[in-house]
Amino acid sequence: MRYSLAMLILFFAACVEAGGDALIRLGLRSPSHVRMGLFFLLGGVMLALYGYTVNAPPWDFGRLIGVYVAFFFVLAQVISWLGFGHKPSGMVLLGGALIVAGGCIVSIAG
């Protein structure tokens, strides 16, 4: 599998995992049981899609996990900030920079 395609698939997987988590969070805070159920259902579908996305390709996911974690961290922070109003602190950004640097190192070393 081409490296660029693998990166695109990992980015998509991080989007659906972070998005599914966000939908579950919205469900937990929903004012009605109907909305809660809908958010849980949609979030569950997205999380299942994540599981399929990272396990279906013929790759060694263990070698790509560093890149995936970096993608997931960045996307989760963006969703948390834009979707829930939780701006990341300086320490979270510093830790995130280390996560992204580690993902780059693992990607290059892999």
Protein backbone atom coordinates (compact mmCIF):
# COMPACT_ATOMS: atom_id res chain seq x y z
CA MET A 1 0.00 0.00 0.00
CA ARG A 2 1.30 3.43 -0.89
CA TYR A 3 2.38 5.57 2.05
CA SER A 4 0.14 8.49 1.04
CA LEU A 5 -2.91 6.22 0.83
CA ALA A 6 -2.10 4.75 4.24
CA MET A 7 -1.86 8.27 5.71
CA LEU A 8 -5.20 9.23 4.15
CA ILE A 9 -6.86 6.11 5.58
CA LEU A 10 -5.36 6.80 9.02
CA PHE A 11 -6.55 10.41 8.89
CA PHE A 12 -10.07 9.25 7.97
CA ALA A 13 -9.99 6.69 10.81
CA ALA A 14 -8.96 9.38 13.29
CA CYS A 15 -11.81 11.61 12.03
CA VAL A 16 -14.45 8.94 12.54
CA GLU A 17 -13.08 7.87 15.92
CA ALA A 18 -12.85 11.42 17.29
CA GLY A 19 -16.23 12.26 15.73
CA GLY A 20 -17.84 9.14 17.18
CA ASP A 21 -16.46 9.97 20.62
CA ALA A 22 -17.86 13.50 20.29
CA LEU A 23 -21.30 12.15 19.37
CA ILE A 24 -21.27 9.87 22.43
CA ARG A 25 -20.34 12.89 24.57
CA LEU A 26 -23.25 14.85 23.07
CA GLY A 27 -25.54 11.93 23.83
CA LEU A 28 -24.46 11.86 27.46
CA ARG A 29 -25.40 15.53 27.78
CA SER A 30 -28.63 15.40 25.78
CA PRO A 31 -31.80 16.74 27.40
CA SER A 32 -34.01 13.97 26.02
CA HIS A 33 -33.72 10.21 25.81
CA VAL A 34 -34.58 10.26 22.09
CA ARG A 35 -31.70 12.60 21.26
CA MET A 36 -29.42 10.61 23.57
CA GLY A 37 -30.30 7.42 21.74
CA LEU A 38 -29.74 8.99 18.32
CA PHE A 39 -26.34 10.38 19.32
CA PHE A 40 -25.36 7.00 20.80
CA LEU A 41 -26.47 5.20 17.66
CA LEU A 42 -24.61 7.56 15.33
CA GLY A 43 -21.54 7.55 17.57
CA GLY A 44 -21.57 3.75 17.70
CA VAL A 45 -21.79 3.51 13.92
CA MET A 46 -18.86 5.89 13.55
CA LEU A 47 -16.79 3.97 16.10
CA ALA A 48 -17.54 0.71 14.29
CA LEU A 49 -16.48 2.37 11.03
CA TYR A 50 -13.22 3.36 12.74
CA GLY A 51 -12.62 -0.24 13.80
CA TYR A 52 -13.26 -1.50 10.28
CA THR A 53 -11.10 1.22 8.72
CA VAL A 54 -7.98 0.42 10.74
CA ASN A 55 -8.37 -3.36 10.64
CA ALA A 56 -9.44 -4.01 7.03
CA PRO A 57 -6.29 -2.89 5.14
CA PRO A 58 -3.41 -5.35 4.79
CA TRP A 59 -0.96 -3.41 6.92
CA ASP A 60 0.93 -3.73 10.16
CA PHE A 61 -1.12 -1.27 12.22
CA GLY A 62 1.44 -1.50 15.01
CA ARG A 63 3.98 0.20 12.74
CA LEU A 64 1.53 3.01 11.94
CA ILE A 65 0.09 3.58 15.41
CA GLY A 66 2.35 6.57 16.15
CA VAL A 67 1.04 8.47 13.15
CA TYR A 68 -2.51 7.49 14.00
CA VAL A 69 -2.17 8.72 17.60
CA ALA A 70 -0.83 12.06 16.35
CA PHE A 71 -3.76 12.45 13.94
CA PHE A 72 -6.23 11.47 16.65
CA PHE A 73 -4.76 13.89 19.20
CA VAL A 74 -4.91 16.85 16.84
CA LEU A 75 -8.44 16.08 15.64
CA ALA A 76 -9.73 15.44 19.17
CA GLN A 77 -8.34 18.80 20.31
CA VAL A 78 -9.91 20.62 17.36
CA ILE A 79 -13.30 18.97 18.01
CA SER A 80 -13.05 19.70 21.73
CA TRP A 81 -12.25 23.37 21.05
CA LEU A 82 -14.67 24.05 18.20
CA GLY A 83 -17.44 21.67 19.23
CA PHE A 84 -17.38 22.00 23.00
CA GLY A 85 -15.56 25.28 23.67
CA HIS A 86 -12.64 23.66 25.52
CA LYS A 87 -9.57 25.54 24.33
CA PRO A 88 -6.40 23.47 24.91
CA SER A 89 -4.04 24.81 27.55
CA GLY A 90 -0.39 25.52 26.95
CA MET A 91 0.60 22.28 28.63
CA VAL A 92 -1.82 20.29 26.45
CA LEU A 93 -0.31 21.96 23.37
CA LEU A 94 3.20 21.16 24.61
CA GLY A 95 2.27 17.54 25.23
CA GLY A 96 0.56 17.46 21.85
CA ALA A 97 3.70 18.73 20.17
CA LEU A 98 5.57 15.80 21.73
CA ILE A 99 2.87 13.39 20.52
CA VAL A 100 3.10 14.76 16.97
CA ALA A 101 6.91 14.65 17.08
CA GLY A 102 6.75 11.05 18.27
CA GLY A 103 4.33 10.18 15.47
CA CYS A 104 6.75 11.68 12.94
CA ILE A 105 9.67 9.73 14.41
CA VAL A 106 7.76 6.46 14.36
CA SER A 107 6.65 7.19 10.79
CA ILE A 108 10.19 7.81 9.61
CA ALA A 109 11.65 4.88 11.56
CA GLY A 110 8.89 2.50 10.38
